[in-house]
Amino acid sequence: MNIYLQVPEEGGDLQMWLRQATNEERRHVRESEGLPHGSVEPPVHTIHPEPGDLIMMSTWLLHAVTPGIDKARVSIGSFIGCYGEDRPLTIWS
C-alpha cells in the first residue's frame, strides 16, 4: 500500500499489469532493478495519484511508475499480509 504525500503535476503515474512477471522478466529485474521501457505490453491500468490517496495493490503483479516531470513523488509505503480469517492482518515496511 502507498499513501501519497506529494505528486508531480505531470508524471509519477502508477502503471499496473494484471499478470506476474515471467521467469525471464524476474531474472532481469533481479539483475538490473527493472525492465527496459517498452519491453512489455502496455499497462492495463494507469493511475495518477493525488496527495492523500491510498492505493493498495498486489506487488506480485507487474507495476511501474512513470518519471515525474516537475517535482518528486513522495509516498509512504508499507506491506499488508493476510494469513487467513483467524489471524489479524500483519503490516510491515
Protein backbone atom coordinates (compact mmCIF):
# COMPACT_ATOMS: atom_id res chain seq x y z
CA MET A 1 0.00 0.00 0.00
CA ASN A 2 1.12 3.55 -0.67
CA ILE A 3 -0.16 6.80 0.81
CA TYR A 4 0.77 9.70 -1.44
CA LEU A 5 2.01 12.91 0.18
CA GLN A 6 3.27 14.81 -2.88
CA VAL A 7 2.94 14.02 -6.56
CA PRO A 8 4.19 15.80 -9.68
CA GLU A 9 1.65 17.55 -11.87
CA GLU A 10 2.98 15.55 -14.80
CA GLY A 11 4.33 12.02 -14.48
CA GLY A 12 4.55 9.91 -11.34
CA ASP A 13 1.74 7.71 -12.67
CA LEU A 14 1.32 4.18 -11.32
CA GLN A 15 1.15 1.68 -14.18
CA MET A 16 -0.25 -1.80 -13.47
CA TRP A 17 -0.46 -5.04 -15.39
CA LEU A 18 -2.80 -7.90 -14.49
CA ARG A 19 -0.08 -10.52 -14.62
CA GLN A 20 3.03 -11.61 -12.81
CA ALA A 21 6.45 -11.31 -14.34
CA THR A 22 7.70 -14.22 -16.41
CA ASN A 23 10.75 -16.11 -15.15
CA GLU A 24 12.93 -14.23 -17.66
CA GLU A 25 11.48 -10.87 -16.55
CA ARG A 26 12.10 -11.76 -12.87
CA ARG A 27 15.70 -12.61 -13.67
CA HIS A 28 16.17 -9.29 -15.47
CA VAL A 29 14.57 -7.34 -12.60
CA ARG A 30 16.91 -9.00 -10.07
CA GLU A 31 19.95 -8.17 -12.18
CA SER A 32 19.09 -4.58 -13.12
CA GLU A 33 16.24 -3.46 -10.81
CA GLY A 34 13.70 -3.06 -13.60
CA LEU A 35 12.63 -3.95 -17.10
CA PRO A 36 13.59 -1.90 -20.16
CA HIS A 37 10.93 0.61 -21.18
CA GLY A 38 8.77 -0.84 -23.94
CA SER A 39 9.81 -4.45 -23.29
CA VAL A 40 6.30 -5.43 -22.14
CA GLU A 41 2.81 -4.78 -23.43
CA PRO A 42 1.04 -1.51 -22.47
CA PRO A 43 -0.26 -1.41 -18.88
CA VAL A 44 -3.86 -2.42 -18.18
CA HIS A 45 -4.37 0.42 -15.67
CA THR A 46 -2.67 3.77 -15.19
CA ILE A 47 -3.46 5.88 -12.12
CA HIS A 48 -2.28 9.42 -11.43
CA PRO A 49 -2.46 9.58 -7.62
CA GLU A 50 -3.27 12.80 -5.78
CA PRO A 51 -1.91 13.83 -2.37
CA GLY A 52 -3.82 11.93 0.33
CA ASP A 53 -4.69 8.96 -1.91
CA LEU A 54 -4.22 5.44 -0.58
CA ILE A 55 -3.59 2.78 -3.20
CA MET A 56 -3.49 -0.90 -2.29
CA MET A 57 -2.31 -3.45 -4.84
CA SER A 58 -0.61 -6.80 -5.09
CA THR A 59 3.12 -6.29 -5.53
CA TRP A 60 3.29 -9.76 -7.10
CA LEU A 61 1.80 -8.17 -10.23
CA LEU A 62 3.92 -6.15 -12.65
CA HIS A 63 3.86 -2.44 -11.87
CA ALA A 64 5.90 0.65 -12.67
CA VAL A 65 5.98 4.40 -12.04
CA THR A 66 6.48 6.94 -14.81
CA PRO A 67 9.16 9.62 -14.27
CA GLY A 68 7.97 12.79 -12.53
CA ILE A 69 8.49 15.99 -14.50
CA ASP A 70 8.19 19.00 -12.19
CA LYS A 71 8.68 17.65 -8.65
CA ALA A 72 9.35 14.47 -6.72
CA ARG A 73 6.73 11.88 -5.89
CA VAL A 74 6.68 11.34 -2.12
CA SER A 75 4.78 8.44 -0.59
CA ILE A 76 4.70 6.26 2.49
CA GLY A 77 4.84 2.60 1.53
CA SER A 78 4.05 -0.47 3.56
CA PHE A 79 3.10 -4.10 3.06
CA ILE A 80 -0.01 -5.83 4.41
CA GLY A 81 0.00 -9.59 4.92
CA CYS A 82 -3.20 -11.60 5.15
CA TYR A 83 -2.70 -15.08 6.60
CA GLY A 84 -6.30 -16.21 7.00
CA GLU A 85 -9.59 -15.20 8.59
CA ASP A 86 -8.49 -16.43 12.02
CA ARG A 87 -5.37 -14.21 12.16
CA PRO A 88 -5.03 -10.41 12.19
CA LEU A 89 -3.53 -8.52 9.27
CA THR A 90 0.23 -8.01 9.55
CA ILE A 91 1.72 -4.69 8.46
CA TRP A 92 5.42 -4.05 7.79
CA SER A 93 7.60 -1.77 5.70
